[in-house]
Amino acid sequence: MPELPEVETVRRILKPQLMGRRIVTVSVDRPEIVAHPSADEFIRAVAGTTVTDMRRRGKFLSLVLSDGGSIWLHLRMTGALLVTPANLPPEKHTHLIFGLDDGKELRFSDQRRFGRFWYLAAGEEDRYTGAGKLGPEPDTVTAALLEERLGKKRRMIKDCLLDQSLIAGIGNIHGDEILYLAGIAPDRPAESLSGPEWEKLAEAIPDELGTATARLAMTPEEYLAGRGREYRDEPYFQAYGREGKPCLRCGTAIRRITVAGRGSSYCPKCQK
């Protein structure tokens, strides 16, 4: 599933291409992709509006529209969002297409069909997306805030980092990387962390996510050539996916354990 750096990369690439563009047509071939309202109502509400902004909240993206409403979307496991020339053959599993007034198309493809769209009218309470339940953005966290929100929890710290209601945007991959930077084992109970460890974690969260986002920077042409999917950061991972390989700090073999049902990689020597 794309995490904050990947979702922010999509926003940075697509926003300049979508700003000021009027949505002329909307086609949906999988009605279940639209979670609210119905697919037909979604089409009627969105067609004819102009995109005035593109934002990110956690792993959600939103298009702000000229009618005061907004389109929210979540890529989930395999969703991809592309601005393409209209004559480019669509990707397999393309389920939603916005025809734009410059002749291009905004296309959403999703092999597993877990991704979702929502339209919220101007002033409509968001009781649908779940974005309102998200915790703070990672670049706003402090040691004091982390200790206040997590410090009394018996849950493992990796599990807490993945809880979107506690901190928004962190997923399994960058959760491993954050804890590696902070020198904290993923299976530590959150309540066991000391004051200095909360400080290290508060530094590692924005550091890892900011660095990863910067590494993913690419041109719209490069993004289109990769069909909105080839923007992963694997060569730079220090813990995630490196089970059995030597730690880049001390040489100890990276170990993989299961935390809250998710595979977690860490160095048993560097991460206490």
C-alpha atoms as a PDB file:
ATOM      1  CA  MET A   1       0.000   0.000   0.000  1.00  0.00           C
ATOM      2  CA  PRO A   2       1.384   3.445  -0.843  1.00  0.00           C
ATOM      3  CA  GLU A   3       2.420   5.306   2.285  1.00  0.00           C
ATOM      4  CA  LEU A   4       2.800   9.034   2.925  1.00  0.00           C
ATOM      5  CA  PRO A   5       5.932   9.556   0.759  1.00  0.00           C
ATOM      6  CA  GLU A   6       4.372   7.771  -2.217  1.00  0.00           C
ATOM      7  CA  VAL A   7       1.003   9.528  -1.862  1.00  0.00           C
ATOM      8  CA  GLU A   8       2.700  12.916  -1.481  1.00  0.00           C
ATOM      9  CA  THR A   9       4.734  12.158  -4.611  1.00  0.00           C
ATOM     10  CA  VAL A  10       1.533  11.525  -6.557  1.00  0.00           C
ATOM     11  CA  ARG A  11       0.103  14.827  -5.307  1.00  0.00           C
ATOM     12  CA  ARG A  12       3.210  16.821  -6.237  1.00  0.00           C
ATOM     13  CA  ILE A  13       3.289  15.367  -9.738  1.00  0.00           C
ATOM     14  CA  LEU A  14      -0.418  15.614 -10.519  1.00  0.00           C
ATOM     15  CA  LYS A  15      -1.361  18.902  -8.862  1.00  0.00           C
ATOM     16  CA  PRO A  16       0.311  21.176 -11.466  1.00  0.00           C
ATOM     17  CA  GLN A  17      -1.358  19.164 -14.235  1.00  0.00           C
ATOM     18  CA  LEU A  18      -4.818  19.412 -12.679  1.00  0.00           C
ATOM     19  CA  MET A  19      -4.954  22.959 -11.326  1.00  0.00           C
ATOM     20  CA  GLY A  20      -7.532  24.999 -13.224  1.00  0.00           C
ATOM     21  CA  ARG A  21      -8.653  22.054 -15.338  1.00  0.00           C
ATOM     22  CA  ARG A  22     -12.368  21.594 -15.837  1.00  0.00           C
ATOM     23  CA  ILE A  23     -13.747  18.071 -15.571  1.00  0.00           C
ATOM     24  CA  VAL A  24     -15.763  17.639 -18.767  1.00  0.00           C
ATOM     25  CA  THR A  25     -16.745  13.982 -18.518  1.00  0.00           C
ATOM     26  CA  VAL A  26     -16.671  11.225 -15.911  1.00  0.00           C
ATOM     27  CA  SER A  27     -16.892   7.508 -16.654  1.00  0.00           C
ATOM     28  CA  VAL A  28     -17.055   4.762 -14.046  1.00  0.00           C
ATOM     29  CA  ASP A  29     -17.000   1.126 -15.089  1.00  0.00           C
ATOM     30  CA  ARG A  30     -16.926  -0.267 -11.527  1.00  0.00           C
ATOM     31  CA  PRO A  31     -19.638   1.426  -9.438  1.00  0.00           C
ATOM     32  CA  GLU A  32     -18.196   0.010  -6.211  1.00  0.00           C
ATOM     33  CA  ILE A  33     -15.120   2.227  -6.690  1.00  0.00           C
ATOM     34  CA  VAL A  34     -17.326   5.169  -5.676  1.00  0.00           C
ATOM     35  CA  ALA A  35     -18.139   4.765  -1.990  1.00  0.00           C
ATOM     36  CA  HIS A  36     -20.231   7.933  -1.631  1.00  0.00           C
ATOM     37  CA  PRO A  37     -22.637   8.958  -3.062  1.00  0.00           C
ATOM     38  CA  SER A  38     -23.804   6.508  -5.752  1.00  0.00           C
ATOM     39  CA  ALA A  39     -21.723   6.317  -8.913  1.00  0.00           C
ATOM     40  CA  ASP A  40     -24.446   8.107 -10.915  1.00  0.00           C
ATOM     41  CA  GLU A  41     -24.722  10.909  -8.351  1.00  0.00           C
ATOM     42  CA  PHE A  42     -20.926  11.176  -8.263  1.00  0.00           C
ATOM     43  CA  ILE A  43     -20.788  11.646 -12.032  1.00  0.00           C
ATOM     44  CA  ARG A  44     -23.520  14.288 -12.026  1.00  0.00           C
ATOM     45  CA  ALA A  45     -21.925  16.202  -9.143  1.00  0.00           C
ATOM     46  CA  VAL A  46     -18.380  16.233 -10.491  1.00  0.00           C
ATOM     47  CA  ALA A  47     -18.891  16.818 -14.226  1.00  0.00           C
ATOM     48  CA  GLY A  48     -18.542  20.482 -15.108  1.00  0.00           C
ATOM     49  CA  THR A  49     -16.551  21.486 -12.016  1.00  0.00           C
ATOM     50  CA  THR A  50     -13.005  22.858 -12.056  1.00  0.00           C
ATOM     51  CA  VAL A  51     -10.104  21.620  -9.926  1.00  0.00           C
ATOM     52  CA  THR A  52      -8.864  24.452  -7.688  1.00  0.00           C
ATOM     53  CA  ASP A  53      -6.461  22.532  -5.432  1.00  0.00           C
ATOM     54  CA  MET A  54      -5.064  19.084  -4.692  1.00  0.00           C
ATOM     55  CA  ARG A  55      -4.299  18.130  -1.104  1.00  0.00           C
ATOM     56  CA  ARG A  56      -3.104  15.199   0.982  1.00  0.00           C
ATOM     57  CA  ARG A  57      -4.193  14.103   4.461  1.00  0.00           C
ATOM     58  CA  GLY A  58      -2.371  11.035   5.719  1.00  0.00           C
ATOM     59  CA  LYS A  59      -2.689   8.525   2.870  1.00  0.00           C
ATOM     60  CA  PHE A  60      -5.751  10.262   1.412  1.00  0.00           C
ATOM     61  CA  LEU A  61      -5.760  12.611  -1.580  1.00  0.00           C
ATOM     62  CA  SER A  62      -8.426  15.210  -2.251  1.00  0.00           C
ATOM     63  CA  LEU A  63      -9.338  17.407  -5.197  1.00  0.00           C
ATOM     64  CA  VAL A  64     -10.936  20.702  -4.197  1.00  0.00           C
ATOM     65  CA  LEU A  65     -13.585  21.735  -6.725  1.00  0.00           C
ATOM     66  CA  SER A  66     -15.004  25.051  -7.886  1.00  0.00           C
ATOM     67  CA  ASP A  67     -18.483  24.209  -6.561  1.00  0.00           C
ATOM     68  CA  GLY A  68     -17.116  24.104  -3.016  1.00  0.00           C
ATOM     69  CA  GLY A  69     -17.211  20.323  -2.950  1.00  0.00           C
ATOM     70  CA  SER A  70     -14.302  17.903  -2.993  1.00  0.00           C
ATOM     71  CA  ILE A  71     -13.331  14.512  -4.354  1.00  0.00           C
ATOM     72  CA  TRP A  72     -11.543  12.294  -1.846  1.00  0.00           C
ATOM     73  CA  LEU A  73      -9.695   9.123  -2.786  1.00  0.00           C
ATOM     74  CA  HIS A  74      -7.579   6.409  -1.233  1.00  0.00           C
ATOM     75  CA  LEU A  75      -5.278   4.297  -3.412  1.00  0.00           C
ATOM     76  CA  ARG A  76      -5.323   1.358  -0.969  1.00  0.00           C
ATOM     77  CA  MET A  77      -3.207  -1.612  -2.088  1.00  0.00           C
ATOM     78  CA  THR A  78      -2.828  -1.311  -5.866  1.00  0.00           C
ATOM     79  CA  GLY A  79      -4.460   1.944  -6.941  1.00  0.00           C
ATOM     80  CA  ALA A  80      -2.687   4.239  -9.405  1.00  0.00           C
ATOM     81  CA  LEU A  81      -3.630   7.737 -10.554  1.00  0.00           C
ATOM     82  CA  LEU A  82      -2.387   9.144 -13.863  1.00  0.00           C
ATOM     83  CA  VAL A  83      -2.873  12.185 -16.072  1.00  0.00           C
ATOM     84  CA  THR A  84      -2.529  10.879 -19.610  1.00  0.00           C
ATOM     85  CA  PRO A  85      -3.055  11.911 -23.219  1.00  0.00           C
ATOM     86  CA  ALA A  86      -6.534  10.821 -24.280  1.00  0.00           C
ATOM     87  CA  ASN A  87      -5.110   8.632 -27.056  1.00  0.00           C
ATOM     88  CA  LEU A  88      -2.848   6.623 -24.722  1.00  0.00           C
ATOM     89  CA  PRO A  89      -4.223   3.069 -24.387  1.00  0.00           C
ATOM     90  CA  PRO A  90      -5.641   2.725 -20.857  1.00  0.00           C
ATOM     91  CA  GLU A  91      -3.948   0.546 -18.305  1.00  0.00           C
ATOM     92  CA  LYS A  92      -5.553  -2.783 -17.547  1.00  0.00           C
ATOM     93  CA  HIS A  93      -7.987  -2.478 -14.632  1.00  0.00           C
ATOM     94  CA  THR A  94      -8.733   1.204 -15.332  1.00  0.00           C
ATOM     95  CA  HIS A  95     -12.027   1.804 -13.532  1.00  0.00           C
ATOM     96  CA  LEU A  96     -12.580   5.563 -13.482  1.00  0.00           C
ATOM     97  CA  ILE A  97     -11.705   8.272 -16.029  1.00  0.00           C
ATOM     98  CA  PHE A  98     -12.130  12.033 -15.774  1.00  0.00           C
ATOM     99  CA  GLY A  99     -12.036  13.734 -19.174  1.00  0.00           C
ATOM    100  CA  LEU A 100     -10.378  17.162 -18.806  1.00  0.00           C
ATOM    101  CA  ASP A 101     -10.871  20.345 -20.805  1.00  0.00           C
ATOM    102  CA  ASP A 102      -7.312  20.283 -22.170  1.00  0.00           C
ATOM    103  CA  GLY A 103      -7.952  16.965 -23.916  1.00  0.00           C
ATOM    104  CA  LYS A 104      -6.126  14.875 -21.314  1.00  0.00           C
ATOM    105  CA  GLU A 105      -7.599  12.354 -18.917  1.00  0.00           C
ATOM    106  CA  LEU A 106      -7.191  11.659 -15.222  1.00  0.00           C
ATOM    107  CA  ARG A 107      -7.361   7.878 -14.915  1.00  0.00           C
ATOM    108  CA  PHE A 108      -7.603   5.579 -11.923  1.00  0.00           C
ATOM    109  CA  SER A 109      -6.568   1.947 -12.258  1.00  0.00           C
ATOM    110  CA  ASP A 110      -6.642  -0.650  -9.511  1.00  0.00           C
ATOM    111  CA  GLN A 111      -6.009  -4.345 -10.016  1.00  0.00           C
ATOM    112  CA  ARG A 112      -7.460  -5.416  -6.661  1.00  0.00           C
ATOM    113  CA  ARG A 113     -10.269  -2.823  -6.683  1.00  0.00           C
ATOM    114  CA  PHE A 114      -9.798  -1.813  -3.043  1.00  0.00           C
ATOM    115  CA  GLY A 115      -9.295   1.893  -3.841  1.00  0.00           C
ATOM    116  CA  ARG A 116     -12.217   4.228  -3.204  1.00  0.00           C
ATOM    117  CA  PHE A 117     -13.581   7.639  -4.220  1.00  0.00           C
ATOM    118  CA  TRP A 118     -15.948   9.917  -2.340  1.00  0.00           C
ATOM    119  CA  TYR A 119     -17.597  13.197  -3.301  1.00  0.00           C
ATOM    120  CA  LEU A 120     -18.457  15.618  -0.505  1.00  0.00           C
ATOM    121  CA  ALA A 121     -20.687  18.547  -1.380  1.00  0.00           C
ATOM    122  CA  ALA A 122     -19.943  22.024  -0.049  1.00  0.00           C
ATOM    123  CA  GLY A 123     -20.648  22.028   3.679  1.00  0.00           C
ATOM    124  CA  GLU A 124     -21.382  18.297   3.817  1.00  0.00           C
ATOM    125  CA  GLU A 125     -20.175  16.593   6.961  1.00  0.00           C
ATOM    126  CA  ASP A 126     -17.599  13.923   6.233  1.00  0.00           C
ATOM    127  CA  ARG A 127     -19.139  10.799   7.710  1.00  0.00           C
ATOM    128  CA  TYR A 128     -17.767   8.574   4.965  1.00  0.00           C
ATOM    129  CA  THR A 129     -14.034   8.743   4.211  1.00  0.00           C
ATOM    130  CA  GLY A 130     -12.566   8.212   7.677  1.00  0.00           C
ATOM    131  CA  ALA A 131     -10.136  11.093   7.131  1.00  0.00           C
ATOM    132  CA  GLY A 132     -11.652  12.937  10.067  1.00  0.00           C
ATOM    133  CA  LYS A 133     -10.443  10.225  12.431  1.00  0.00           C
ATOM    134  CA  LEU A 134      -6.796  10.553  11.433  1.00  0.00           C
ATOM    135  CA  GLY A 135      -4.137  11.523  13.926  1.00  0.00           C
ATOM    136  CA  PRO A 136      -1.708  14.404  13.409  1.00  0.00           C
ATOM    137  CA  GLU A 137       0.522  14.656  10.349  1.00  0.00           C
ATOM    138  CA  PRO A 138       4.008  13.228  10.993  1.00  0.00           C
ATOM    139  CA  ASP A 139       5.775  16.533  10.425  1.00  0.00           C
ATOM    140  CA  THR A 140       3.893  18.032  13.369  1.00  0.00           C
ATOM    141  CA  VAL A 141       4.818  15.445  16.005  1.00  0.00           C
ATOM    142  CA  THR A 142       6.952  16.246  19.010  1.00  0.00           C
ATOM    143  CA  ALA A 143       8.364  14.019  21.716  1.00  0.00           C
ATOM    144  CA  ALA A 144       5.790  15.386  24.135  1.00  0.00           C
ATOM    145  CA  LEU A 145       2.922  14.696  21.738  1.00  0.00           C
ATOM    146  CA  LEU A 146       4.124  11.146  21.055  1.00  0.00           C
ATOM    147  CA  GLU A 147       4.514  10.372  24.736  1.00  0.00           C
ATOM    148  CA  GLU A 148       1.081  11.827  25.456  1.00  0.00           C
ATOM    149  CA  ARG A 149      -0.640   9.798  22.713  1.00  0.00           C
ATOM    150  CA  LEU A 150       1.357   6.558  22.951  1.00  0.00           C
ATOM    151  CA  GLY A 151       3.242   6.547  26.234  1.00  0.00           C
ATOM    152  CA  LYS A 152       0.637   4.664  28.275  1.00  0.00           C
ATOM    153  CA  LYS A 153      -0.120   2.016  25.678  1.00  0.00           C
ATOM    154  CA  ARG A 154       0.931  -1.587  26.180  1.00  0.00           C
ATOM    155  CA  ARG A 155       0.746  -2.198  22.444  1.00  0.00           C
ATOM    156  CA  MET A 156       4.016  -2.690  20.569  1.00  0.00           C
ATOM    157  CA  ILE A 157       5.472   0.573  19.298  1.00  0.00           C
ATOM    158  CA  LYS A 158       5.410  -0.570  15.662  1.00  0.00           C
ATOM    159  CA  ASP A 159       1.692  -1.332  15.991  1.00  0.00           C
ATOM    160  CA  CYS A 160       1.132   2.164  17.403  1.00  0.00           C
ATOM    161  CA  LEU A 161       2.978   3.795  14.508  1.00  0.00           C
ATOM    162  CA  LEU A 162       0.730   1.986  12.025  1.00  0.00           C
ATOM    163  CA  ASP A 163      -2.451   3.151  13.773  1.00  0.00           C
ATOM    164  CA  GLN A 164      -3.696   5.978  11.560  1.00  0.00           C
ATOM    165  CA  SER A 165      -5.793   7.396  14.387  1.00  0.00           C
ATOM    166  CA  LEU A 166      -2.599   8.018  16.382  1.00  0.00           C
ATOM    167  CA  ILE A 167      -0.305   9.327  13.604  1.00  0.00           C
ATOM    168  CA  ALA A 168      -1.396   9.700   9.980  1.00  0.00           C
ATOM    169  CA  GLY A 169       0.486   8.363   6.983  1.00  0.00           C
ATOM    170  CA  ILE A 170       2.966   5.815   8.356  1.00  0.00           C
ATOM    171  CA  GLY A 171       2.781   2.306   6.933  1.00  0.00           C
ATOM    172  CA  ASN A 172       4.671  -0.935   7.363  1.00  0.00           C
ATOM    173  CA  ILE A 173       7.675   0.002   5.238  1.00  0.00           C
ATOM    174  CA  HIS A 174       8.450   3.380   6.726  1.00  0.00           C
ATOM    175  CA  GLY A 175       7.483   2.150  10.190  1.00  0.00           C
ATOM    176  CA  ASP A 176      10.464  -0.213  10.011  1.00  0.00           C
ATOM    177  CA  GLU A 177      12.722   2.531   8.707  1.00  0.00           C
ATOM    178  CA  ILE A 178      11.658   5.020  11.385  1.00  0.00           C
ATOM    179  CA  LEU A 179      12.318   2.562  14.194  1.00  0.00           C
ATOM    180  CA  TYR A 180      15.709   1.662  12.700  1.00  0.00           C
ATOM    181  CA  LEU A 181      16.687   5.330  12.671  1.00  0.00           C
ATOM    182  CA  ALA A 182      15.486   5.755  16.255  1.00  0.00           C
ATOM    183  CA  GLY A 183      17.242   2.595  17.493  1.00  0.00           C
ATOM    184  CA  ILE A 184      14.048   1.118  18.923  1.00  0.00           C
ATOM    185  CA  ALA A 185      12.925  -2.499  18.457  1.00  0.00           C
ATOM    186  CA  PRO A 186       9.476  -2.817  16.833  1.00  0.00           C
ATOM    187  CA  ASP A 187       8.147  -5.182  19.511  1.00  0.00           C
ATOM    188  CA  ARG A 188       8.855  -2.862  22.431  1.00  0.00           C
ATOM    189  CA  PRO A 189       5.688  -1.914  24.352  1.00  0.00           C
ATOM    190  CA  ALA A 190       5.099   1.775  23.775  1.00  0.00           C
ATOM    191  CA  GLU A 191       4.844   2.341  27.531  1.00  0.00           C
ATOM    192  CA  SER A 192       8.437   1.114  27.963  1.00  0.00           C
ATOM    193  CA  LEU A 193      10.008   3.940  25.961  1.00  0.00           C
ATOM    194  CA  SER A 194      12.060   6.496  27.879  1.00  0.00           C
ATOM    195  CA  GLY A 195      12.090  10.266  27.442  1.00  0.00           C
ATOM    196  CA  PRO A 196      15.248  10.235  25.269  1.00  0.00           C
ATOM    197  CA  GLU A 197      13.709   7.512  23.104  1.00  0.00           C
ATOM    198  CA  TRP A 198      10.595   9.616  22.488  1.00  0.00           C
ATOM    199  CA  GLU A 199      12.946  12.404  21.419  1.00  0.00           C
ATOM    200  CA  LYS A 200      14.730  10.097  18.988  1.00  0.00           C
ATOM    201  CA  LEU A 201      11.420   8.847  17.604  1.00  0.00           C
ATOM    202  CA  ALA A 202      10.102  12.386  17.159  1.00  0.00           C
ATOM    203  CA  GLU A 203      13.226  13.205  15.125  1.00  0.00           C
ATOM    204  CA  ALA A 204      13.168   9.982  13.107  1.00  0.00           C
ATOM    205  CA  ILE A 205       9.540  10.235  11.930  1.00  0.00           C
ATOM    206  CA  PRO A 206       9.781  13.457   9.881  1.00  0.00           C
ATOM    207  CA  ASP A 207      13.385  12.696   8.940  1.00  0.00           C
ATOM    208  CA  GLU A 208      12.544   9.339   7.353  1.00  0.00           C
ATOM    209  CA  LEU A 209       9.349  10.459   5.647  1.00  0.00           C
ATOM    210  CA  GLY A 210      10.848  13.726   4.403  1.00  0.00           C
ATOM    211  CA  THR A 211      13.972  12.021   3.067  1.00  0.00           C
ATOM    212  CA  ALA A 212      11.943   9.288   1.374  1.00  0.00           C
ATOM    213  CA  THR A 213       9.667  11.858  -0.264  1.00  0.00           C
ATOM    214  CA  ALA A 214      12.664  13.805  -1.555  1.00  0.00           C
ATOM    215  CA  ARG A 215      14.205  10.644  -3.019  1.00  0.00           C
ATOM    216  CA  LEU A 216      10.995   9.882  -4.903  1.00  0.00           C
ATOM    217  CA  ALA A 217      10.999  13.218  -6.760  1.00  0.00           C
ATOM    218  CA  MET A 218      10.567  12.746 -10.522  1.00  0.00           C
ATOM    219  CA  THR A 219       9.211  14.487 -13.572  1.00  0.00           C
ATOM    220  CA  PRO A 220       5.644  13.967 -14.802  1.00  0.00           C
ATOM    221  CA  GLU A 221       7.144  12.225 -17.828  1.00  0.00           C
ATOM    222  CA  GLU A 222       9.021   9.747 -15.647  1.00  0.00           C
ATOM    223  CA  TYR A 223       5.927   9.118 -13.566  1.00  0.00           C
ATOM    224  CA  LEU A 224       3.808   8.522 -16.659  1.00  0.00           C
ATOM    225  CA  ALA A 225       6.441   6.201 -18.157  1.00  0.00           C
ATOM    226  CA  GLY A 226       6.229   4.093 -14.985  1.00  0.00           C
ATOM    227  CA  ARG A 227       2.415   4.182 -15.226  1.00  0.00           C
ATOM    228  CA  GLY A 228       2.155   5.658 -11.742  1.00  0.00           C
ATOM    229  CA  ARG A 229       3.567   2.559 -10.073  1.00  0.00           C
ATOM    230  CA  GLU A 230       7.349   2.588 -10.376  1.00  0.00           C
ATOM    231  CA  TYR A 231       8.225   5.043  -7.647  1.00  0.00           C
ATOM    232  CA  ARG A 232       9.265   2.792  -4.803  1.00  0.00           C
ATOM    233  CA  ASP A 233      12.314   3.448  -2.673  1.00  0.00           C
ATOM    234  CA  GLU A 234      13.723  -0.074  -2.160  1.00  0.00           C
ATOM    235  CA  PRO A 235      17.443   0.579  -2.846  1.00  0.00           C
ATOM    236  CA  TYR A 236      17.595   2.937   0.120  1.00  0.00           C
ATOM    237  CA  PHE A 237      15.830   0.837   2.752  1.00  0.00           C
ATOM    238  CA  GLN A 238      17.993   0.134   5.777  1.00  0.00           C
ATOM    239  CA  ALA A 239      15.736  -2.345   7.580  1.00  0.00           C
ATOM    240  CA  TYR A 240      12.563  -3.145   5.633  1.00  0.00           C
ATOM    241  CA  GLY A 241      12.915  -6.179   3.369  1.00  0.00           C
ATOM    242  CA  ARG A 242      16.536  -6.851   4.415  1.00  0.00           C
ATOM    243  CA  GLU A 243      15.969  -9.988   6.500  1.00  0.00           C
ATOM    244  CA  GLY A 244      19.217 -11.957   6.806  1.00  0.00           C
ATOM    245  CA  LYS A 245      21.342  -9.171   5.319  1.00  0.00           C
ATOM    246  CA  PRO A 246      23.958  -7.391   7.441  1.00  0.00           C
ATOM    247  CA  CYS A 247      22.937  -4.266   9.311  1.00  0.00           C
ATOM    248  CA  LEU A 248      24.449  -1.244   7.597  1.00  0.00           C
ATOM    249  CA  ARG A 249      25.633   0.050  10.974  1.00  0.00           C
ATOM    250  CA  CYS A 250      27.001  -2.962  12.847  1.00  0.00           C
ATOM    251  CA  GLY A 251      26.922  -5.928  10.456  1.00  0.00           C
ATOM    252  CA  THR A 252      24.494  -8.001  12.536  1.00  0.00           C
ATOM    253  CA  ALA A 253      21.978  -9.929  10.447  1.00  0.00           C
ATOM    254  CA  ILE A 254      18.651  -8.136  10.110  1.00  0.00           C
ATOM    255  CA  ARG A 255      15.904 -10.127  11.796  1.00  0.00           C
ATOM    256  CA  ARG A 256      12.247 -10.365  10.777  1.00  0.00           C
ATOM    257  CA  ILE A 257       9.452 -10.829  13.289  1.00  0.00           C
ATOM    258  CA  THR A 258       5.690 -10.434  13.197  1.00  0.00           C
ATOM    259  CA  VAL A 259       4.173  -7.441  14.973  1.00  0.00           C
ATOM    260  CA  ALA A 260       0.397  -7.118  15.021  1.00  0.00           C
ATOM    261  CA  GLY A 261       0.154  -9.430  12.023  1.00  0.00           C
ATOM    262  CA  ARG A 262       2.698  -7.498   9.954  1.00  0.00           C
ATOM    263  CA  GLY A 263       6.245  -8.504   9.071  1.00  0.00           C
ATOM    264  CA  SER A 264       8.774  -6.219  10.778  1.00  0.00           C
ATOM    265  CA  SER A 265      12.498  -6.091  10.058  1.00  0.00           C
ATOM    266  CA  TYR A 266      15.018  -4.731  12.539  1.00  0.00           C
ATOM    267  CA  CYS A 267      18.577  -5.048  13.833  1.00  0.00           C
ATOM    268  CA  PRO A 268      18.613  -6.948  17.138  1.00  0.00           C
ATOM    269  CA  LYS A 269      21.837  -5.190  18.152  1.00  0.00           C
ATOM    270  CA  CYS A 270      21.169  -1.576  17.159  1.00  0.00           C
ATOM    271  CA  GLN A 271      17.489  -1.542  18.071  1.00  0.00           C
ATOM    272  CA  LYS A 272      17.114  -2.168  21.776  1.00  0.00           C
END
